[in-house]
Amino acid sequence: MENKTLKGSVFYTDTWKSYVDLKQYGKHNKINHKKEKYVNGRIHINGIEGFWSYAKERFHKYHGIKKHNYPLYLKEMEFPFNHRNEKLFNLLFDICIRRAV
């Protein structure tokens, strides 16, 4: 873990016991989902867990991803995830029209 984090990193996790040692690598904020609905005054919705669930489901169709292309695949997943409640065709059409003008 040491070589995968930056000094002073901040971790937000649930209370799963495997996360106990994270405090030695940076600030560790634990969220007990059974007790807490808010984190730092904001509603916590497990956004990153939702994204990974979404991305992993879509990664299955690729049957393997080359390591050097992985960041690009993640970016490919990011846009539809962030706009999953919108009609993507209309959104992309509006973006293209605005850029053309």
PDB file of N, CA and C in Angstrom:
ATOM      1  N   MET A   1       0.814  -1.195   0.000  1.00  0.00           N
ATOM      2  CA  MET A   1       0.000   0.000   0.000  1.00  0.00           C
ATOM      3  C   MET A   1       0.859   1.261   0.000  1.00  0.00           C
ATOM      4  N   GLU A   2       2.012   1.201   0.664  1.00  0.00           N
ATOM      5  CA  GLU A   2       2.877   2.370   0.752  1.00  0.00           C
ATOM      6  C   GLU A   2       3.229   2.947  -0.602  1.00  0.00           C
ATOM      7  N   ASN A   3       3.578   2.100  -1.542  1.00  0.00           N
ATOM      8  CA  ASN A   3       3.999   2.590  -2.857  1.00  0.00           C
ATOM      9  C   ASN A   3       2.811   2.939  -3.757  1.00  0.00           C
ATOM     10  N   LYS A   4       1.599   2.784  -3.279  1.00  0.00           N
ATOM     11  CA  LYS A   4       0.411   3.081  -4.074  1.00  0.00           C
ATOM     12  C   LYS A   4      -0.318   4.341  -3.611  1.00  0.00           C
ATOM     13  N   THR A   5       0.153   4.982  -2.532  1.00  0.00           N
ATOM     14  CA  THR A   5      -0.515   6.172  -2.015  1.00  0.00           C
ATOM     15  C   THR A   5       0.478   7.311  -1.849  1.00  0.00           C
ATOM     16  N   LEU A   6      -0.046   8.505  -1.838  1.00  0.00           N
ATOM     17  CA  LEU A   6       0.777   9.681  -1.597  1.00  0.00           C
ATOM     18  C   LEU A   6       0.722  10.036  -0.118  1.00  0.00           C
ATOM     19  N   LYS A   7       1.801  10.553   0.406  1.00  0.00           N
ATOM     20  CA  LYS A   7       1.827  10.986   1.801  1.00  0.00           C
ATOM     21  C   LYS A   7       0.737  12.038   2.000  1.00  0.00           C
ATOM     22  N   GLY A   8      -0.035  11.865   3.051  1.00  0.00           N
ATOM     23  CA  GLY A   8      -1.118  12.797   3.335  1.00  0.00           C
ATOM     24  C   GLY A   8      -2.426  12.460   2.641  1.00  0.00           C
ATOM     25  N   SER A   9      -2.523  11.283   2.031  1.00  0.00           N
ATOM     26  CA  SER A   9      -3.761  10.871   1.376  1.00  0.00           C
ATOM     27  C   SER A   9      -4.903  10.811   2.384  1.00  0.00           C
ATOM     28  N   VAL A  10      -6.113  10.970   1.895  1.00  0.00           N
ATOM     29  CA  VAL A  10      -7.300  10.861   2.733  1.00  0.00           C
ATOM     30  C   VAL A  10      -8.134   9.711   2.200  1.00  0.00           C
ATOM     31  N   PHE A  11      -8.502   8.788   3.088  1.00  0.00           N
ATOM     32  CA  PHE A  11      -9.291   7.617   2.717  1.00  0.00           C
ATOM     33  C   PHE A  11     -10.666   7.700   3.356  1.00  0.00           C
ATOM     34  N   TYR A  12     -11.688   7.456   2.587  1.00  0.00           N
ATOM     35  CA  TYR A  12     -13.048   7.330   3.093  1.00  0.00           C
ATOM     36  C   TYR A  12     -13.471   5.895   2.849  1.00  0.00           C
ATOM     37  N   THR A  13     -13.722   5.164   3.911  1.00  0.00           N
ATOM     38  CA  THR A  13     -14.127   3.764   3.762  1.00  0.00           C
ATOM     39  C   THR A  13     -15.283   3.471   4.701  1.00  0.00           C
ATOM     40  N   ASP A  14     -15.839   2.293   4.523  1.00  0.00           N
ATOM     41  CA  ASP A  14     -16.804   1.833   5.506  1.00  0.00           C
ATOM     42  C   ASP A  14     -16.019   1.203   6.657  1.00  0.00           C
ATOM     43  N   THR A  15     -16.681   0.516   7.531  1.00  0.00           N
ATOM     44  CA  THR A  15     -16.028   0.003   8.737  1.00  0.00           C
ATOM     45  C   THR A  15     -15.531  -1.430   8.593  1.00  0.00           C
ATOM     46  N   TRP A  16     -15.352  -1.888   7.374  1.00  0.00           N
ATOM     47  CA  TRP A  16     -14.870  -3.248   7.142  1.00  0.00           C
ATOM     48  C   TRP A  16     -13.495  -3.399   7.791  1.00  0.00           C
ATOM     49  N   LYS A  17     -13.284  -4.503   8.485  1.00  0.00           N
ATOM     50  CA  LYS A  17     -12.075  -4.687   9.301  1.00  0.00           C
ATOM     51  C   LYS A  17     -10.769  -4.638   8.506  1.00  0.00           C
ATOM     52  N   SER A  18     -10.783  -4.936   7.247  1.00  0.00           N
ATOM     53  CA  SER A  18      -9.548  -4.903   6.450  1.00  0.00           C
ATOM     54  C   SER A  18      -9.016  -3.492   6.227  1.00  0.00           C
ATOM     55  N   TYR A  19      -9.835  -2.480   6.510  1.00  0.00           N
ATOM     56  CA  TYR A  19      -9.399  -1.095   6.321  1.00  0.00           C
ATOM     57  C   TYR A  19      -8.744  -0.497   7.567  1.00  0.00           C
ATOM     58  N   VAL A  20      -8.669  -1.235   8.653  1.00  0.00           N
ATOM     59  CA  VAL A  20      -8.184  -0.712   9.931  1.00  0.00           C
ATOM     60  C   VAL A  20      -6.794  -0.090   9.813  1.00  0.00           C
ATOM     61  N   ASP A  21      -5.900  -0.689   9.065  1.00  0.00           N
ATOM     62  CA  ASP A  21      -4.516  -0.217   8.987  1.00  0.00           C
ATOM     63  C   ASP A  21      -4.300   0.977   8.061  1.00  0.00           C
ATOM     64  N   LEU A  22      -5.325   1.456   7.400  1.00  0.00           N
ATOM     65  CA  LEU A  22      -5.151   2.579   6.478  1.00  0.00           C
ATOM     66  C   LEU A  22      -4.631   3.838   7.171  1.00  0.00           C
ATOM     67  N   LYS A  23      -4.906   3.987   8.445  1.00  0.00           N
ATOM     68  CA  LYS A  23      -4.498   5.203   9.159  1.00  0.00           C
ATOM     69  C   LYS A  23      -2.985   5.413   9.128  1.00  0.00           C
ATOM     70  N   GLN A  24      -2.224   4.357   8.943  1.00  0.00           N
ATOM     71  CA  GLN A  24      -0.770   4.528   8.883  1.00  0.00           C
ATOM     72  C   GLN A  24      -0.303   5.122   7.557  1.00  0.00           C
ATOM     73  N   TYR A  25      -1.176   5.186   6.570  1.00  0.00           N
ATOM     74  CA  TYR A  25      -0.817   5.723   5.254  1.00  0.00           C
ATOM     75  C   TYR A  25      -1.387   7.109   4.992  1.00  0.00           C
ATOM     76  N   GLY A  26      -2.243   7.604   5.881  1.00  0.00           N
ATOM     77  CA  GLY A  26      -2.853   8.915   5.707  1.00  0.00           C
ATOM     78  C   GLY A  26      -4.053   9.040   6.619  1.00  0.00           C
ATOM     79  N   LYS A  27      -4.861  10.039   6.374  1.00  0.00           N
ATOM     80  CA  LYS A  27      -6.059  10.248   7.185  1.00  0.00           C
ATOM     81  C   LYS A  27      -7.124   9.234   6.771  1.00  0.00           C
ATOM     82  N   HIS A  28      -7.713   8.578   7.753  1.00  0.00           N
ATOM     83  CA  HIS A  28      -8.700   7.539   7.481  1.00  0.00           C
ATOM     84  C   HIS A  28     -10.028   7.926   8.121  1.00  0.00           C
ATOM     85  N   ASN A  29     -11.005   8.221   7.288  1.00  0.00           N
ATOM     86  CA  ASN A  29     -12.357   8.544   7.756  1.00  0.00           C
ATOM     87  C   ASN A  29     -13.239   7.334   7.537  1.00  0.00           C
ATOM     88  N   LYS A  30     -13.772   6.810   8.630  1.00  0.00           N
ATOM     89  CA  LYS A  30     -14.632   5.627   8.547  1.00  0.00           C
ATOM     90  C   LYS A  30     -16.097   6.041   8.606  1.00  0.00           C
ATOM     91  N   ILE A  31     -16.894   5.405   7.780  1.00  0.00           N
ATOM     92  CA  ILE A  31     -18.326   5.652   7.751  1.00  0.00           C
ATOM     93  C   ILE A  31     -19.043   4.358   8.098  1.00  0.00           C
ATOM     94  N   ASN A  32     -19.815   4.393   9.151  1.00  0.00           N
ATOM     95  CA  ASN A  32     -20.640   3.245   9.517  1.00  0.00           C
ATOM     96  C   ASN A  32     -22.001   3.462   8.876  1.00  0.00           C
ATOM     97  N   HIS A  33     -22.261   2.772   7.792  1.00  0.00           N
ATOM     98  CA  HIS A  33     -23.489   2.989   7.026  1.00  0.00           C
ATOM     99  C   HIS A  33     -24.749   2.654   7.813  1.00  0.00           C
ATOM    100  N   LYS A  34     -24.619   1.833   8.827  1.00  0.00           N
ATOM    101  CA  LYS A  34     -25.786   1.493   9.643  1.00  0.00           C
ATOM    102  C   LYS A  34     -26.178   2.640  10.569  1.00  0.00           C
ATOM    103  N   LYS A  35     -25.204   3.488  10.939  1.00  0.00           N
ATOM    104  CA  LYS A  35     -25.454   4.575  11.881  1.00  0.00           C
ATOM    105  C   LYS A  35     -25.470   5.952  11.239  1.00  0.00           C
ATOM    106  N   GLU A  36     -24.638   6.143  10.213  1.00  0.00           N
ATOM    107  CA  GLU A  36     -24.446   7.484   9.662  1.00  0.00           C
ATOM    108  C   GLU A  36     -25.009   7.610   8.255  1.00  0.00           C
ATOM    109  N   LYS A  37     -25.790   8.643   8.071  1.00  0.00           N
ATOM    110  CA  LYS A  37     -26.291   8.954   6.743  1.00  0.00           C
ATOM    111  C   LYS A  37     -25.456  10.080   6.131  1.00  0.00           C
ATOM    112  N   TYR A  38     -24.783  10.859   6.989  1.00  0.00           N
ATOM    113  CA  TYR A  38     -24.033  12.019   6.524  1.00  0.00           C
ATOM    114  C   TYR A  38     -22.555  11.880   6.825  1.00  0.00           C
ATOM    115  N   VAL A  39     -21.730  12.419   5.943  1.00  0.00           N
ATOM    116  CA  VAL A  39     -20.280  12.488   6.145  1.00  0.00           C
ATOM    117  C   VAL A  39     -19.888  13.935   5.892  1.00  0.00           C
ATOM    118  N   ASN A  40     -19.289  14.554   6.877  1.00  0.00           N
ATOM    119  CA  ASN A  40     -18.896  15.966   6.783  1.00  0.00           C
ATOM    120  C   ASN A  40     -20.072  16.849   6.346  1.00  0.00           C
ATOM    121  N   GLY A  41     -21.260  16.551   6.871  1.00  0.00           N
ATOM    122  CA  GLY A  41     -22.438  17.357   6.567  1.00  0.00           C
ATOM    123  C   GLY A  41     -23.088  17.074   5.229  1.00  0.00           C
ATOM    124  N   ARG A  42     -22.569  16.116   4.484  1.00  0.00           N
ATOM    125  CA  ARG A  42     -23.132  15.789   3.172  1.00  0.00           C
ATOM    126  C   ARG A  42     -23.709  14.380   3.204  1.00  0.00           C
ATOM    127  N   ILE A  43     -24.715  14.160   2.395  1.00  0.00           N
ATOM    128  CA  ILE A  43     -25.262  12.812   2.289  1.00  0.00           C
ATOM    129  C   ILE A  43     -24.244  11.940   1.574  1.00  0.00           C
ATOM    130  N   HIS A  44     -23.942  10.812   2.149  1.00  0.00           N
ATOM    131  CA  HIS A  44     -22.967   9.889   1.558  1.00  0.00           C
ATOM    132  C   HIS A  44     -23.721   8.830   0.770  1.00  0.00           C
ATOM    133  N   ILE A  45     -23.427   8.698  -0.496  1.00  0.00           N
ATOM    134  CA  ILE A  45     -24.190   7.774  -1.341  1.00  0.00           C
ATOM    135  C   ILE A  45     -23.337   6.667  -1.943  1.00  0.00           C
ATOM    136  N   ASN A  46     -22.146   6.471  -1.410  1.00  0.00           N
ATOM    137  CA  ASN A  46     -21.269   5.423  -1.930  1.00  0.00           C
ATOM    138  C   ASN A  46     -20.998   5.607  -3.416  1.00  0.00           C
ATOM    139  N   GLY A  47     -20.726   6.825  -3.819  1.00  0.00           N
ATOM    140  CA  GLY A  47     -20.520   7.128  -5.231  1.00  0.00           C
ATOM    141  C   GLY A  47     -19.449   6.294  -5.896  1.00  0.00           C
ATOM    142  N   ILE A  48     -18.315   6.130  -5.251  1.00  0.00           N
ATOM    143  CA  ILE A  48     -17.232   5.385  -5.888  1.00  0.00           C
ATOM    144  C   ILE A  48     -17.590   3.910  -6.015  1.00  0.00           C
ATOM    145  N   GLU A  49     -18.288   3.372  -5.012  1.00  0.00           N
ATOM    146  CA  GLU A  49     -18.717   1.974  -5.103  1.00  0.00           C
ATOM    147  C   GLU A  49     -19.698   1.788  -6.243  1.00  0.00           C
ATOM    148  N   GLY A  50     -20.575   2.764  -6.422  1.00  0.00           N
ATOM    149  CA  GLY A  50     -21.527   2.713  -7.534  1.00  0.00           C
ATOM    150  C   GLY A  50     -20.838   2.776  -8.878  1.00  0.00           C
ATOM    151  N   PHE A  51     -19.811   3.645  -8.977  1.00  0.00           N
ATOM    152  CA  PHE A  51     -19.076   3.749 -10.235  1.00  0.00           C
ATOM    153  C   PHE A  51     -18.378   2.438 -10.570  1.00  0.00           C
ATOM    154  N   TRP A  52     -17.684   1.832  -9.590  1.00  0.00           N
ATOM    155  CA  TRP A  52     -16.960   0.592  -9.877  1.00  0.00           C
ATOM    156  C   TRP A  52     -17.914  -0.532 -10.257  1.00  0.00           C
ATOM    157  N   SER A  53     -19.058  -0.575  -9.630  1.00  0.00           N
ATOM    158  CA  SER A  53     -20.051  -1.585 -10.004  1.00  0.00           C
ATOM    159  C   SER A  53     -20.475  -1.383 -11.463  1.00  0.00           C
ATOM    160  N   TYR A  54     -20.743  -0.141 -11.808  1.00  0.00           N
ATOM    161  CA  TYR A  54     -21.137   0.222 -13.169  1.00  0.00           C
ATOM    162  C   TYR A  54     -20.032  -0.127 -14.168  1.00  0.00           C
ATOM    163  N   ALA A  55     -18.786   0.270 -13.845  1.00  0.00           N
ATOM    164  CA  ALA A  55     -17.666   0.053 -14.765  1.00  0.00           C
ATOM    165  C   ALA A  55     -17.359  -1.429 -14.934  1.00  0.00           C
ATOM    166  N   LYS A  56     -17.327  -2.175 -13.835  1.00  0.00           N
ATOM    167  CA  LYS A  56     -16.996  -3.604 -13.934  1.00  0.00           C
ATOM    168  C   LYS A  56     -18.001  -4.350 -14.796  1.00  0.00           C
ATOM    169  N   GLU A  57     -19.258  -3.975 -14.656  1.00  0.00           N
ATOM    170  CA  GLU A  57     -20.295  -4.622 -15.473  1.00  0.00           C
ATOM    171  C   GLU A  57     -20.023  -4.402 -16.959  1.00  0.00           C
ATOM    172  N   ARG A  58     -19.590  -3.206 -17.323  1.00  0.00           N
ATOM    173  CA  ARG A  58     -19.318  -2.894 -18.725  1.00  0.00           C
ATOM    174  C   ARG A  58     -17.973  -3.410 -19.205  1.00  0.00           C
ATOM    175  N   PHE A  59     -17.003  -3.556 -18.305  1.00  0.00           N
ATOM    176  CA  PHE A  59     -15.687  -4.086 -18.678  1.00  0.00           C
ATOM    177  C   PHE A  59     -15.766  -5.543 -19.137  1.00  0.00           C
ATOM    178  N   HIS A  60     -16.761  -6.265 -18.698  1.00  0.00           N
ATOM    179  CA  HIS A  60     -16.879  -7.678 -19.078  1.00  0.00           C
ATOM    180  C   HIS A  60     -16.928  -7.861 -20.592  1.00  0.00           C
ATOM    181  N   LYS A  61     -17.500  -6.917 -21.305  1.00  0.00           N
ATOM    182  CA  LYS A  61     -17.625  -7.067 -22.759  1.00  0.00           C
ATOM    183  C   LYS A  61     -16.292  -6.962 -23.481  1.00  0.00           C
ATOM    184  N   TYR A  62     -15.263  -6.401 -22.839  1.00  0.00           N
ATOM    185  CA  TYR A  62     -13.972  -6.218 -23.492  1.00  0.00           C
ATOM    186  C   TYR A  62     -13.077  -7.461 -23.449  1.00  0.00           C
ATOM    187  N   HIS A  63     -13.365  -8.396 -22.585  1.00  0.00           N
ATOM    188  CA  HIS A  63     -12.571  -9.633 -22.474  1.00  0.00           C
ATOM    189  C   HIS A  63     -11.087  -9.340 -22.276  1.00  0.00           C
ATOM    190  N   GLY A  64     -10.800  -8.428 -21.395  1.00  0.00           N
ATOM    191  CA  GLY A  64      -9.418  -8.061 -21.088  1.00  0.00           C
ATOM    192  C   GLY A  64      -9.089  -6.673 -21.604  1.00  0.00           C
ATOM    193  N   ILE A  65      -8.309  -5.960 -20.824  1.00  0.00           N
ATOM    194  CA  ILE A  65      -7.943  -4.588 -21.160  1.00  0.00           C
ATOM    195  C   ILE A  65      -6.438  -4.453 -20.989  1.00  0.00           C
ATOM    196  N   LYS A  66      -5.776  -3.862 -21.968  1.00  0.00           N
ATOM    197  CA  LYS A  66      -4.336  -3.638 -21.853  1.00  0.00           C
ATOM    198  C   LYS A  66      -4.085  -2.561 -20.792  1.00  0.00           C
ATOM    199  N   LYS A  67      -3.070  -2.796 -19.988  1.00  0.00           N
ATOM    200  CA  LYS A  67      -2.764  -1.925 -18.864  1.00  0.00           C
ATOM    201  C   LYS A  67      -2.586  -0.462 -19.288  1.00  0.00           C
ATOM    202  N   HIS A  68      -1.901  -0.226 -20.390  1.00  0.00           N
ATOM    203  CA  HIS A  68      -1.637   1.157 -20.803  1.00  0.00           C
ATOM    204  C   HIS A  68      -2.901   1.867 -21.311  1.00  0.00           C
ATOM    205  N   ASN A  69      -3.942   1.116 -21.666  1.00  0.00           N
ATOM    206  CA  ASN A  69      -5.206   1.712 -22.120  1.00  0.00           C
ATOM    207  C   ASN A  69      -6.232   1.869 -20.999  1.00  0.00           C
ATOM    208  N   TYR A  70      -5.927   1.321 -19.829  1.00  0.00           N
ATOM    209  CA  TYR A  70      -6.893   1.301 -18.732  1.00  0.00           C
ATOM    210  C   TYR A  70      -7.445   2.692 -18.383  1.00  0.00           C
ATOM    211  N   PRO A  71      -6.599   3.736 -18.275  1.00  0.00           N
ATOM    212  CA  PRO A  71      -7.152   5.062 -17.968  1.00  0.00           C
ATOM    213  C   PRO A  71      -8.162   5.546 -19.007  1.00  0.00           C
ATOM    214  N   LEU A  72      -7.934   5.193 -20.265  1.00  0.00           N
ATOM    215  CA  LEU A  72      -8.870   5.598 -21.315  1.00  0.00           C
ATOM    216  C   LEU A  72     -10.207   4.866 -21.180  1.00  0.00           C
ATOM    217  N   TYR A  73     -10.162   3.600 -20.816  1.00  0.00           N
ATOM    218  CA  TYR A  73     -11.398   2.854 -20.598  1.00  0.00           C
ATOM    219  C   TYR A  73     -12.172   3.442 -19.425  1.00  0.00           C
ATOM    220  N   LEU A  74     -11.456   3.833 -18.379  1.00  0.00           N
ATOM    221  CA  LEU A  74     -12.130   4.453 -17.232  1.00  0.00           C
ATOM    222  C   LEU A  74     -12.813   5.753 -17.638  1.00  0.00           C
ATOM    223  N   LYS A  75     -12.121   6.568 -18.437  1.00  0.00           N
ATOM    224  CA  LYS A  75     -12.723   7.818 -18.910  1.00  0.00           C
ATOM    225  C   LYS A  75     -13.948   7.528 -19.769  1.00  0.00           C
ATOM    226  N   GLU A  76     -13.877   6.456 -20.544  1.00  0.00           N
ATOM    227  CA  GLU A  76     -15.016   6.072 -21.375  1.00  0.00           C
ATOM    228  C   GLU A  76     -16.233   5.729 -20.508  1.00  0.00           C
ATOM    229  N   MET A  77     -15.997   5.190 -19.325  1.00  0.00           N
ATOM    230  CA  MET A  77     -17.078   4.839 -18.402  1.00  0.00           C
ATOM    231  C   MET A  77     -17.582   6.052 -17.626  1.00  0.00           C
ATOM    232  N   GLU A  78     -16.698   7.019 -17.400  1.00  0.00           N
ATOM    233  CA  GLU A  78     -17.023   8.159 -16.544  1.00  0.00           C
ATOM    234  C   GLU A  78     -18.186   8.994 -17.077  1.00  0.00           C
ATOM    235  N   PHE A  79     -18.149   9.346 -18.350  1.00  0.00           N
ATOM    236  CA  PHE A  79     -19.183  10.219 -18.909  1.00  0.00           C
ATOM    237  C   PHE A  79     -20.585   9.613 -18.802  1.00  0.00           C
ATOM    238  N   PRO A  80     -20.810   8.389 -19.292  1.00  0.00           N
ATOM    239  CA  PRO A  80     -22.159   7.837 -19.169  1.00  0.00           C
ATOM    240  C   PRO A  80     -22.584   7.621 -17.716  1.00  0.00           C
ATOM    241  N   PHE A  81     -21.623   7.308 -16.833  1.00  0.00           N
ATOM    242  CA  PHE A  81     -21.983   7.139 -15.422  1.00  0.00           C
ATOM    243  C   PHE A  81     -22.460   8.466 -14.828  1.00  0.00           C
ATOM    244  N   ASN A  82     -21.728   9.532 -15.092  1.00  0.00           N
ATOM    245  CA  ASN A  82     -22.095  10.833 -14.540  1.00  0.00           C
ATOM    246  C   ASN A  82     -23.386  11.392 -15.123  1.00  0.00           C
ATOM    247  N   HIS A  83     -23.791  10.887 -16.284  1.00  0.00           N
ATOM    248  CA  HIS A  83     -25.016  11.369 -16.936  1.00  0.00           C
ATOM    249  C   HIS A  83     -26.026  10.235 -17.117  1.00  0.00           C
ATOM    250  N   ARG A  84     -25.993   9.242 -16.237  1.00  0.00           N
ATOM    251  CA  ARG A  84     -26.812   8.043 -16.408  1.00  0.00           C
ATOM    252  C   ARG A  84     -28.307   8.301 -16.303  1.00  0.00           C
ATOM    253  N   ASN A  85     -28.707   9.430 -15.752  1.00  0.00           N
ATOM    254  CA  ASN A  85     -30.136   9.736 -15.645  1.00  0.00           C
ATOM    255  C   ASN A  85     -30.599  10.698 -16.737  1.00  0.00           C
ATOM    256  N   GLU A  86     -29.739  10.912 -17.715  1.00  0.00           N
ATOM    257  CA  GLU A  86     -30.070  11.814 -18.814  1.00  0.00           C
ATOM    258  C   GLU A  86     -30.096  11.022 -20.128  1.00  0.00           C
ATOM    259  N   LYS A  87     -30.716  11.600 -21.117  1.00  0.00           N
ATOM    260  CA  LYS A  87     -30.707  10.981 -22.438  1.00  0.00           C
ATOM    261  C   LYS A  87     -29.397  11.377 -23.109  1.00  0.00           C
ATOM    262  N   LEU A  88     -28.492  10.419 -23.232  1.00  0.00           N
ATOM    263  CA  LEU A  88     -27.150  10.719 -23.733  1.00  0.00           C
ATOM    264  C   LEU A  88     -27.155  11.259 -25.158  1.00  0.00           C
ATOM    265  N   PHE A  89     -28.027  10.746 -25.998  1.00  0.00           N
ATOM    266  CA  PHE A  89     -28.072  11.232 -27.374  1.00  0.00           C
ATOM    267  C   PHE A  89     -28.341  12.731 -27.396  1.00  0.00           C
ATOM    268  N   ASN A  90     -29.352  13.172 -26.634  1.00  0.00           N
ATOM    269  CA  ASN A  90     -29.691  14.597 -26.596  1.00  0.00           C
ATOM    270  C   ASN A  90     -28.549  15.420 -26.008  1.00  0.00           C
ATOM    271  N   LEU A  91     -27.925  14.911 -24.969  1.00  0.00           N
ATOM    272  CA  LEU A  91     -26.813  15.607 -24.337  1.00  0.00           C
ATOM    273  C   LEU A  91     -25.637  15.759 -25.309  1.00  0.00           C
ATOM    274  N   LEU A  92     -25.261  14.682 -25.963  1.00  0.00           N
ATOM    275  CA  LEU A  92     -24.153  14.727 -26.917  1.00  0.00           C
ATOM    276  C   LEU A  92     -24.486  15.611 -28.119  1.00  0.00           C
ATOM    277  N   PHE A  93     -25.728  15.555 -28.562  1.00  0.00           N
ATOM    278  CA  PHE A  93     -26.157  16.408 -29.670  1.00  0.00           C
ATOM    279  C   PHE A  93     -26.007  17.880 -29.290  1.00  0.00           C
ATOM    280  N   ASP A  94     -26.478  18.232 -28.086  1.00  0.00           N
ATOM    281  CA  ASP A  94     -26.351  19.620 -27.607  1.00  0.00           C
ATOM    282  C   ASP A  94     -24.883  20.044 -27.518  1.00  0.00           C
ATOM    283  N   ILE A  95     -24.016  19.178 -27.038  1.00  0.00           N
ATOM    284  CA  ILE A  95     -22.583  19.487 -26.946  1.00  0.00           C
ATOM    285  C   ILE A  95     -22.006  19.735 -28.328  1.00  0.00           C
ATOM    286  N   CYS A  96     -22.353  18.897 -29.278  1.00  0.00           N
ATOM    287  CA  CYS A  96     -21.822  19.034 -30.640  1.00  0.00           C
ATOM    288  C   CYS A  96     -22.337  20.317 -31.303  1.00  0.00           C
ATOM    289  N   ILE A  97     -23.593  20.642 -31.102  1.00  0.00           N
ATOM    290  CA  ILE A  97     -24.176  21.853 -31.705  1.00  0.00           C
ATOM    291  C   ILE A  97     -23.511  23.098 -31.115  1.00  0.00           C
ATOM    292  N   ARG A  98     -23.320  23.126 -29.794  1.00  0.00           N
ATOM    293  CA  ARG A  98     -22.688  24.285 -29.153  1.00  0.00           C
ATOM    294  C   ARG A  98     -21.259  24.496 -29.651  1.00  0.00           C
ATOM    295  N   ARG A  99     -20.536  23.415 -29.888  1.00  0.00           N
ATOM    296  CA  ARG A  99     -19.152  23.533 -30.347  1.00  0.00           C
ATOM    297  C   ARG A  99     -19.080  23.958 -31.803  1.00  0.00           C
ATOM    298  N   ALA A 100     -20.105  23.618 -32.573  1.00  0.00           N
ATOM    299  CA  ALA A 100     -20.117  23.956 -33.990  1.00  0.00           C
ATOM    300  C   ALA A 100     -20.434  25.439 -34.215  1.00  0.00           C
ATOM    301  N   VAL A 101     -21.089  26.048 -33.241  1.00  0.00           N
ATOM    302  CA  VAL A 101     -21.495  27.455 -33.399  1.00  0.00           C
ATOM    303  C   VAL A 101     -20.400  28.399 -33.023  1.00  0.00           C
TER     304      VAL A 101
END
